[in-house]
PDB file of N, CA and C in Angstrom:
ATOM      1  N   MET A   1      95.951 102.353  69.817  1.00  0.00           N
ATOM      2  CA  MET A   1      96.317 102.012  71.175  1.00  0.00           C
ATOM      3  C   MET A   1      97.118 100.707  71.134  1.00  0.00           C
ATOM      4  N   ALA A   2      98.314 100.730  71.698  1.00  0.00           N
ATOM      5  CA  ALA A   2      99.156  99.528  71.759  1.00  0.00           C
ATOM      6  C   ALA A   2      98.748  98.685  72.963  1.00  0.00           C
ATOM      7  N   TRP A   3      98.746  97.382  72.781  1.00  0.00           N
ATOM      8  CA  TRP A   3      98.408  96.447  73.848  1.00  0.00           C
ATOM      9  C   TRP A   3      99.657  95.673  74.226  1.00  0.00           C
ATOM     10  N   ILE A   4      99.888  95.533  75.527  1.00  0.00           N
ATOM     11  CA  ILE A   4     101.090  94.881  76.034  1.00  0.00           C
ATOM     12  C   ILE A   4     100.729  93.776  77.021  1.00  0.00           C
ATOM     13  N   THR A   5     101.680  92.902  77.255  1.00  0.00           N
ATOM     14  CA  THR A   5     101.546  91.859  78.270  1.00  0.00           C
ATOM     15  C   THR A   5     102.469  92.219  79.430  1.00  0.00           C
ATOM     16  N   LEU A   6     101.917  92.306  80.631  1.00  0.00           N
ATOM     17  CA  LEU A   6     102.747  92.552  81.812  1.00  0.00           C
ATOM     18  C   LEU A   6     103.617  91.331  82.095  1.00  0.00           C
ATOM     19  N   THR A   7     104.839  91.584  82.536  1.00  0.00           N
ATOM     20  CA  THR A   7     105.767  90.492  82.843  1.00  0.00           C
ATOM     21  C   THR A   7     106.410  90.704  84.209  1.00  0.00           C
ATOM     22  N   ASP A   8     107.059  89.664  84.661  1.00  0.00           N
ATOM     23  CA  ASP A   8     107.836  89.722  85.898  1.00  0.00           C
ATOM     24  C   ASP A   8     108.938  90.781  85.760  1.00  0.00           C
ATOM     25  N   GLU A   9     109.510  90.899  84.589  1.00  0.00           N
ATOM     26  CA  GLU A   9     110.569  91.895  84.360  1.00  0.00           C
ATOM     27  C   GLU A   9     110.033  93.313  84.519  1.00  0.00           C
ATOM     28  N   ASP A  10     108.807  93.545  84.078  1.00  0.00           N
ATOM     29  CA  ASP A  10     108.182  94.858  84.272  1.00  0.00           C
ATOM     30  C   ASP A  10     108.078  95.170  85.762  1.00  0.00           C
ATOM     31  N   LEU A  11     107.674  94.174  86.534  1.00  0.00           N
ATOM     32  CA  LEU A  11     107.544  94.360  87.978  1.00  0.00           C
ATOM     33  C   LEU A  11     108.901  94.626  88.613  1.00  0.00           C
ATOM     34  N   LYS A  12     109.920  93.888  88.190  1.00  0.00           N
ATOM     35  CA  LYS A  12     111.272  94.100  88.730  1.00  0.00           C
ATOM     36  C   LYS A  12     111.749  95.521  88.480  1.00  0.00           C
ATOM     37  N   ARG A  13     111.442  96.056  87.288  1.00  0.00           N
ATOM     38  CA  ARG A  13     111.851  97.429  86.970  1.00  0.00           C
ATOM     39  C   ARG A  13     111.034  98.456  87.750  1.00  0.00           C
ATOM     40  N   ARG A  14     109.821  98.110  88.107  1.00  0.00           N
ATOM     41  CA  ARG A  14     108.935  99.037  88.831  1.00  0.00           C
ATOM     42  C   ARG A  14     109.305  99.129  90.315  1.00  0.00           C
ATOM     43  N   LEU A  15     109.662  97.999  90.916  1.00  0.00           N
ATOM     44  CA  LEU A  15     109.980  97.960  92.344  1.00  0.00           C
ATOM     45  C   LEU A  15     111.448  98.287  92.583  1.00  0.00           C
ATOM     46  N   ALA A  16     111.715  98.841  93.738  1.00  0.00           N
ATOM     47  CA  ALA A  16     113.106  98.993  94.161  1.00  0.00           C
ATOM     48  C   ALA A  16     113.665  97.594  94.414  1.00  0.00           C
ATOM     49  N   ALA A  17     114.973  97.440  94.237  1.00  0.00           N
ATOM     50  CA  ALA A  17     115.596  96.124  94.418  1.00  0.00           C
ATOM     51  C   ALA A  17     115.304  95.565  95.806  1.00  0.00           C
ATOM     52  N   ALA A  18     115.337  96.415  96.824  1.00  0.00           N
ATOM     53  CA  ALA A  18     115.069  95.956  98.193  1.00  0.00           C
ATOM     54  C   ALA A  18     113.625  95.481  98.336  1.00  0.00           C
ATOM     55  N   GLU A  19     112.699  96.155  97.663  1.00  0.00           N
ATOM     56  CA  GLU A  19     111.293  95.736  97.721  1.00  0.00           C
ATOM     57  C   GLU A  19     111.124  94.367  97.073  1.00  0.00           C
ATOM     58  N   TYR A  20     111.742  94.181  95.921  1.00  0.00           N
ATOM     59  CA  TYR A  20     111.597  92.915  95.208  1.00  0.00           C
ATOM     60  C   TYR A  20     112.213  91.765  96.015  1.00  0.00           C
ATOM     61  N   THR A  21     113.369  92.004  96.605  1.00  0.00           N
ATOM     62  CA  THR A  21     114.016  90.986  97.436  1.00  0.00           C
ATOM     63  C   THR A  21     113.155  90.661  98.654  1.00  0.00           C
ATOM     64  N   ALA A  22     112.604  91.684  99.301  1.00  0.00           N
ATOM     65  CA  ALA A  22     111.729  91.465 100.462  1.00  0.00           C
ATOM     66  C   ALA A  22     110.497  90.667 100.064  1.00  0.00           C
ATOM     67  N   LEU A  23     109.953  90.954  98.890  1.00  0.00           N
ATOM     68  CA  LEU A  23     108.796  90.226  98.391  1.00  0.00           C
ATOM     69  C   LEU A  23     109.126  88.750  98.194  1.00  0.00           C
ATOM     70  N   LEU A  24     110.252  88.456  97.571  1.00  0.00           N
ATOM     71  CA  LEU A  24     110.657  87.067  97.342  1.00  0.00           C
ATOM     72  C   LEU A  24     110.873  86.339  98.659  1.00  0.00           C
ATOM     73  N   ASN A  25     111.536  87.001  99.594  1.00  0.00           N
ATOM     74  CA  ASN A  25     111.786  86.381 100.896  1.00  0.00           C
ATOM     75  C   ASN A  25     110.489  86.141 101.661  1.00  0.00           C
ATOM     76  N   ALA A  26     109.564  87.082 101.613  1.00  0.00           N
ATOM     77  CA  ALA A  26     108.280  86.918 102.300  1.00  0.00           C
ATOM     78  C   ALA A  26     107.490  85.759 101.704  1.00  0.00           C
ATOM     79  N   ALA A  27     107.542  85.617 100.404  1.00  0.00           N
ATOM     80  CA  ALA A  27     106.831  84.511  99.748  1.00  0.00           C
ATOM     81  C   ALA A  27     107.416  83.176 100.197  1.00  0.00           C
ATOM     82  N   LYS A  28     108.731  83.093 100.244  1.00  0.00           N
ATOM     83  CA  LYS A  28     109.384  81.850 100.678  1.00  0.00           C
ATOM     84  C   LYS A  28     109.037  81.534 102.129  1.00  0.00           C
ATOM     85  N   GLN A  29     109.009  82.563 102.985  1.00  0.00           N
ATOM     86  CA  GLN A  29     108.669  82.354 104.391  1.00  0.00           C
ATOM     87  C   GLN A  29     107.229  81.883 104.556  1.00  0.00           C
ATOM     88  N   ALA A  30     106.371  82.257 103.616  1.00  0.00           N
ATOM     89  CA  ALA A  30     104.969  81.832 103.658  1.00  0.00           C
ATOM     90  C   ALA A  30     104.776  80.523 102.899  1.00  0.00           C
ATOM     91  N   SER A  31     105.891  79.876 102.579  1.00  0.00           N
ATOM     92  CA  SER A  31     105.874  78.598 101.854  1.00  0.00           C
ATOM     93  C   SER A  31     105.169  78.693 100.510  1.00  0.00           C
ATOM     94  N   GLN A  32     105.390  79.789  99.822  1.00  0.00           N
ATOM     95  CA  GLN A  32     104.827  79.980  98.491  1.00  0.00           C
ATOM     96  C   GLN A  32     105.953  80.165  97.492  1.00  0.00           C
ATOM     97  N   ASP A  33     105.722  79.722  96.278  1.00  0.00           N
ATOM     98  CA  ASP A  33     106.694  79.894  95.209  1.00  0.00           C
ATOM     99  C   ASP A  33     106.596  81.345  94.726  1.00  0.00           C
ATOM    100  N   PRO A  34     107.671  82.121  94.859  1.00  0.00           N
ATOM    101  CA  PRO A  34     107.611  83.528  94.463  1.00  0.00           C
ATOM    102  C   PRO A  34     107.206  83.726  93.002  1.00  0.00           C
ATOM    103  N   ALA A  35     107.709  82.890  92.115  1.00  0.00           N
ATOM    104  CA  ALA A  35     107.374  83.029  90.689  1.00  0.00           C
ATOM    105  C   ALA A  35     105.884  82.794  90.462  1.00  0.00           C
ATOM    106  N   ASP A  36     105.332  81.786  91.134  1.00  0.00           N
ATOM    107  CA  ASP A  36     103.897  81.511  91.002  1.00  0.00           C
ATOM    108  C   ASP A  36     103.067  82.665  91.563  1.00  0.00           C
ATOM    109  N   LEU A  37     103.501  83.212  92.675  1.00  0.00           N
ATOM    110  CA  LEU A  37     102.779  84.310  93.317  1.00  0.00           C
ATOM    111  C   LEU A  37     102.763  85.547  92.419  1.00  0.00           C
ATOM    112  N   VAL A  38     103.903  85.867  91.820  1.00  0.00           N
ATOM    113  CA  VAL A  38     103.980  87.016  90.920  1.00  0.00           C
ATOM    114  C   VAL A  38     103.115  86.769  89.687  1.00  0.00           C
ATOM    115  N   ALA A  39     103.192  85.561  89.138  1.00  0.00           N
ATOM    116  CA  ALA A  39     102.369  85.233  87.961  1.00  0.00           C
ATOM    117  C   ALA A  39     100.883  85.342  88.285  1.00  0.00           C
ATOM    118  N   GLU A  40     100.496  84.871  89.460  1.00  0.00           N
ATOM    119  CA  GLU A  40      99.098  84.966  89.896  1.00  0.00           C
ATOM    120  C   GLU A  40      98.659  86.426  90.014  1.00  0.00           C
ATOM    121  N   ALA A  41      99.509  87.258  90.585  1.00  0.00           N
ATOM    122  CA  ALA A  41      99.184  88.674  90.756  1.00  0.00           C
ATOM    123  C   ALA A  41      99.032  89.364  89.403  1.00  0.00           C
ATOM    124  N   ILE A  42      99.948  89.082  88.495  1.00  0.00           N
ATOM    125  CA  ILE A  42      99.882  89.691  87.170  1.00  0.00           C
ATOM    126  C   ILE A  42      98.623  89.240  86.442  1.00  0.00           C
ATOM    127  N   GLU A  43      98.284  87.965  86.549  1.00  0.00           N
ATOM    128  CA  GLU A  43      97.076  87.447  85.904  1.00  0.00           C
ATOM    129  C   GLU A  43      95.822  88.098  86.491  1.00  0.00           C
ATOM    130  N   GLU A  44      95.771  88.201  87.795  1.00  0.00           N
ATOM    131  CA  GLU A  44      94.611  88.801  88.474  1.00  0.00           C
ATOM    132  C   GLU A  44      94.420  90.263  88.067  1.00  0.00           C
ATOM    133  N   ILE A  45      95.488  91.023  88.097  1.00  0.00           N
ATOM    134  CA  ILE A  45      95.389  92.449  87.780  1.00  0.00           C
ATOM    135  C   ILE A  45      95.150  92.661  86.291  1.00  0.00           C
ATOM    136  N   THR A  46      95.736  91.844  85.454  1.00  0.00           N
ATOM    137  CA  THR A  46      95.471  91.949  84.016  1.00  0.00           C
ATOM    138  C   THR A  46      93.985  91.741  83.748  1.00  0.00           C
ATOM    139  N   GLY A  47      93.392  90.749  84.395  1.00  0.00           N
ATOM    140  CA  GLY A  47      91.961  90.502  84.243  1.00  0.00           C
ATOM    141  C   GLY A  47      91.125  91.670  84.729  1.00  0.00           C
ATOM    142  N   LYS A  48      91.534  92.264  85.838  1.00  0.00           N
ATOM    143  CA  LYS A  48      90.803  93.410  86.392  1.00  0.00           C
ATOM    144  C   LYS A  48      90.868  94.595  85.427  1.00  0.00           C
ATOM    145  N   VAL A  49      92.053  94.893  84.926  1.00  0.00           N
ATOM    146  CA  VAL A  49      92.219  96.014  83.999  1.00  0.00           C
ATOM    147  C   VAL A  49      91.409  95.769  82.731  1.00  0.00           C
ATOM    148  N   ARG A  50      91.491  94.553  82.199  1.00  0.00           N
ATOM    149  CA  ARG A  50      90.728  94.234  80.989  1.00  0.00           C
ATOM    150  C   ARG A  50      89.221  94.376  81.231  1.00  0.00           C
ATOM    151  N   GLY A  51      88.785  94.012  82.422  1.00  0.00           N
ATOM    152  CA  GLY A  51      87.371  94.148  82.759  1.00  0.00           C
ATOM    153  C   GLY A  51      86.920  95.597  82.759  1.00  0.00           C
ATOM    154  N   TYR A  52      87.751  96.473  83.327  1.00  0.00           N
ATOM    155  CA  TYR A  52      87.413  97.888  83.327  1.00  0.00           C
ATOM    156  C   TYR A  52      87.413  98.458  81.911  1.00  0.00           C
ATOM    157  N   VAL A  53      88.374  98.054  81.107  1.00  0.00           N
ATOM    158  CA  VAL A  53      88.430  98.532  79.723  1.00  0.00           C
ATOM    159  C   VAL A  53      87.210  98.029  78.954  1.00  0.00           C
ATOM    160  N   ALA A  54      86.853  96.772  79.151  1.00  0.00           N
ATOM    161  CA  ALA A  54      85.718  96.177  78.440  1.00  0.00           C
ATOM    162  C   ALA A  54      84.380  96.771  78.874  1.00  0.00           C
ATOM    163  N   ALA A  55      84.338  97.380  80.053  1.00  0.00           N
ATOM    164  CA  ALA A  55      83.087  97.945  80.557  1.00  0.00           C
ATOM    165  C   ALA A  55      82.570  99.085  79.673  1.00  0.00           C
ATOM    166  N   CYS A  56      83.460  99.701  78.935  1.00  0.00           N
ATOM    167  CA  CYS A  56      83.046 100.751  77.996  1.00  0.00           C
ATOM    168  C   CYS A  56      82.824 100.102  76.640  1.00  0.00           C
ATOM    169  N   GLN A  57      81.616 100.180  76.153  1.00  0.00           N
ATOM    170  CA  GLN A  57      81.266  99.516  74.901  1.00  0.00           C
ATOM    171  C   GLN A  57      82.031 100.058  73.697  1.00  0.00           C
ATOM    172  N   LYS A  58      82.591 101.232  73.808  1.00  0.00           N
ATOM    173  CA  LYS A  58      83.375 101.815  72.711  1.00  0.00           C
ATOM    174  C   LYS A  58      84.751 101.164  72.572  1.00  0.00           C
ATOM    175  N   ASN A  59      85.204 100.487  73.612  1.00  0.00           N
ATOM    176  CA  ASN A  59      86.536  99.881  73.598  1.00  0.00           C
ATOM    177  C   ASN A  59      86.511  98.488  72.980  1.00  0.00           C
ATOM    178  N   THR A  60      87.591  98.156  72.311  1.00  0.00           N
ATOM    179  CA  THR A  60      87.804  96.815  71.784  1.00  0.00           C
ATOM    180  C   THR A  60      89.032  96.256  72.481  1.00  0.00           C
ATOM    181  N   LEU A  61      88.904  95.082  73.061  1.00  0.00           N
ATOM    182  CA  LEU A  61      90.026  94.484  73.784  1.00  0.00           C
ATOM    183  C   LEU A  61      91.090  93.959  72.837  1.00  0.00           C
ATOM    184  N   GLY A  62      92.341  94.041  73.285  1.00  0.00           N
ATOM    185  CA  GLY A  62      93.443  93.435  72.551  1.00  0.00           C
ATOM    186  C   GLY A  62      93.407  91.932  72.737  1.00  0.00           C
ATOM    187  N   ASP A  63      94.223  91.239  71.961  1.00  0.00           N
ATOM    188  CA  ASP A  63      94.280  89.781  72.022  1.00  0.00           C
ATOM    189  C   ASP A  63      94.924  89.289  73.314  1.00  0.00           C
ATOM    190  N   GLY A  64      94.558  88.085  73.717  1.00  0.00           N
ATOM    191  CA  GLY A  64      95.190  87.416  74.853  1.00  0.00           C
ATOM    192  C   GLY A  64      95.083  88.194  76.149  1.00  0.00           C
ATOM    193  N   GLN A  65      96.066  87.996  76.990  1.00  0.00           N
ATOM    194  CA  GLN A  65      96.107  88.648  78.299  1.00  0.00           C
ATOM    195  C   GLN A  65      96.914  89.937  78.204  1.00  0.00           C
ATOM    196  N   THR A  66      96.388  90.889  77.446  1.00  0.00           N
ATOM    197  CA  THR A  66      97.069  92.156  77.231  1.00  0.00           C
ATOM    198  C   THR A  66      96.251  93.300  77.815  1.00  0.00           C
ATOM    199  N   ILE A  67      96.957  94.412  78.052  1.00  0.00           N
ATOM    200  CA  ILE A  67      96.321  95.637  78.540  1.00  0.00           C
ATOM    201  C   ILE A  67      96.826  96.798  77.694  1.00  0.00           C
ATOM    202  N   PRO A  68      96.103  97.918  77.682  1.00  0.00           N
ATOM    203  CA  PRO A  68      96.600  99.089  76.961  1.00  0.00           C
ATOM    204  C   PRO A  68      97.917  99.571  77.578  1.00  0.00           C
ATOM    205  N   SER A  69      98.873  99.912  76.735  1.00  0.00           N
ATOM    206  CA  SER A  69     100.180 100.349  77.237  1.00  0.00           C
ATOM    207  C   SER A  69     100.062 101.578  78.140  1.00  0.00           C
ATOM    208  N   GLU A  70      99.041 102.399  77.909  1.00  0.00           N
ATOM    209  CA  GLU A  70      98.831 103.591  78.727  1.00  0.00           C
ATOM    210  C   GLU A  70      98.498 103.245  80.180  1.00  0.00           C
ATOM    211  N   LEU A  71      98.074 102.022  80.432  1.00  0.00           N
ATOM    212  CA  LEU A  71      97.697 101.612  81.789  1.00  0.00           C
ATOM    213  C   LEU A  71      98.779 100.783  82.492  1.00  0.00           C
ATOM    214  N   LYS A  72      99.942 100.668  81.875  1.00  0.00           N
ATOM    215  CA  LYS A  72     101.016  99.835  82.430  1.00  0.00           C
ATOM    216  C   LYS A  72     101.418 100.273  83.848  1.00  0.00           C
ATOM    217  N   ALA A  73     101.707 101.545  84.035  1.00  0.00           N
ATOM    218  CA  ALA A  73     102.148 102.017  85.354  1.00  0.00           C
ATOM    219  C   ALA A  73     101.068 101.787  86.410  1.00  0.00           C
ATOM    220  N   SER A  74      99.830 102.060  86.061  1.00  0.00           N
ATOM    221  CA  SER A  74      98.725 101.854  87.009  1.00  0.00           C
ATOM    222  C   SER A  74      98.551 100.370  87.329  1.00  0.00           C
ATOM    223  N   ALA A  75      98.650  99.532  86.320  1.00  0.00           N
ATOM    224  CA  ALA A  75      98.506  98.087  86.533  1.00  0.00           C
ATOM    225  C   ALA A  75      99.627  97.560  87.419  1.00  0.00           C
ATOM    226  N   LEU A  76     100.841  98.040  87.198  1.00  0.00           N
ATOM    227  CA  LEU A  76     101.962  97.581  88.033  1.00  0.00           C
ATOM    228  C   LEU A  76     101.807  98.058  89.476  1.00  0.00           C
ATOM    229  N   ALA A  77     101.239  99.230  89.669  1.00  0.00           N
ATOM    230  CA  ALA A  77     100.964  99.698  91.037  1.00  0.00           C
ATOM    231  C   ALA A  77      99.945  98.779  91.709  1.00  0.00           C
ATOM    232  N   LEU A  78      98.952  98.330  90.949  1.00  0.00           N
ATOM    233  CA  LEU A  78      97.967  97.389  91.487  1.00  0.00           C
ATOM    234  C   LEU A  78      98.594  96.028  91.781  1.00  0.00           C
ATOM    235  N   VAL A  79      99.503  95.578  90.928  1.00  0.00           N
ATOM    236  CA  VAL A  79     100.206  94.314  91.168  1.00  0.00           C
ATOM    237  C   VAL A  79     101.016  94.416  92.454  1.00  0.00           C
ATOM    238  N   ARG A  80     101.709  95.523  92.621  1.00  0.00           N
ATOM    239  CA  ARG A  80     102.510  95.736  93.836  1.00  0.00           C
ATOM    240  C   ARG A  80     101.616  95.675  95.072  1.00  0.00           C
ATOM    241  N   ASP A  81     100.508  96.388  95.025  1.00  0.00           N
ATOM    242  CA  ASP A  81      99.576  96.399  96.157  1.00  0.00           C
ATOM    243  C   ASP A  81      99.045  94.995  96.428  1.00  0.00           C
ATOM    244  N   TYR A  82      98.673  94.277  95.380  1.00  0.00           N
ATOM    245  CA  TYR A  82      98.167  92.906  95.505  1.00  0.00           C
ATOM    246  C   TYR A  82      99.188  92.033  96.233  1.00  0.00           C
ATOM    247  N   LEU A  83     100.435  92.120  95.802  1.00  0.00           N
ATOM    248  CA  LEU A  83     101.474  91.281  96.389  1.00  0.00           C
ATOM    249  C   LEU A  83     101.788  91.677  97.825  1.00  0.00           C
ATOM    250  N   PHE A  84     101.898  92.962  98.068  1.00  0.00           N
ATOM    251  CA  PHE A  84     102.308  93.412  99.402  1.00  0.00           C
ATOM    252  C   PHE A  84     101.221  93.197 100.445  1.00  0.00           C
ATOM    253  N   THR A  85      99.976  93.152 100.026  1.00  0.00           N
ATOM    254  CA  THR A  85      98.906  92.910 100.990  1.00  0.00           C
ATOM    255  C   THR A  85      98.551  91.430 101.089  1.00  0.00           C
ATOM    256  N   ARG A  86      99.057  90.631 100.193  1.00  0.00           N
ATOM    257  CA  ARG A  86      98.787  89.200 100.195  1.00  0.00           C
ATOM    258  C   ARG A  86      99.660  88.441 101.200  1.00  0.00           C
ATOM    259  N   LEU A  87     100.868  88.920 101.364  1.00  0.00           N
ATOM    260  CA  LEU A  87     101.825  88.239 102.252  1.00  0.00           C
ATOM    261  C   LEU A  87     101.854  88.900 103.624  1.00  0.00           C
ATOM    262  N   PRO A  88     101.669  88.122 104.680  1.00  0.00           N
ATOM    263  CA  PRO A  88     101.625  88.709 106.032  1.00  0.00           C
ATOM    264  C   PRO A  88     102.847  89.550 106.388  1.00  0.00           C
ATOM    265  N   GLN A  89     104.021  89.123 105.930  1.00  0.00           N
ATOM    266  CA  GLN A  89     105.250  89.856 106.273  1.00  0.00           C
ATOM    267  C   GLN A  89     105.369  91.172 105.532  1.00  0.00           C
ATOM    268  N   MET A  90     104.572  91.392 104.499  1.00  0.00           N
ATOM    269  CA  MET A  90     104.680  92.592 103.687  1.00  0.00           C
ATOM    270  C   MET A  90     103.604  93.622 104.012  1.00  0.00           C
ATOM    271  N   ALA A  91     102.564  93.219 104.693  1.00  0.00           N
ATOM    272  CA  ALA A  91     101.458  94.141 104.995  1.00  0.00           C
ATOM    273  C   ALA A  91     101.955  95.263 105.890  1.00  0.00           C
ATOM    274  N   PRO A  92     101.443  96.493 105.653  1.00  0.00           N
ATOM    275  CA  PRO A  92     101.883  97.644 106.477  1.00  0.00           C
ATOM    276  C   PRO A  92     101.402  97.542 107.896  1.00  0.00           C
TER     277      PRO A  92
END
């Protein structure tokens, strides 16, 4: 199993350009640094994914803040949800 580190670039590729721009603008309007907000979201979701993986005693965690590559798409969906529900202008 390959272990990867989620990045801002992964998120940019996952979101439509309009979504990413709206996210950055919403963060600025909420007086938050967009880069810090994205980093916080990635850190939070990486920890959550690692926690679920670690819950099975048969699993061995990868080094650092990594997740199994098979969970990349799911983790990025969680990052998107985290960000879009965190900012008032982005909530549905």
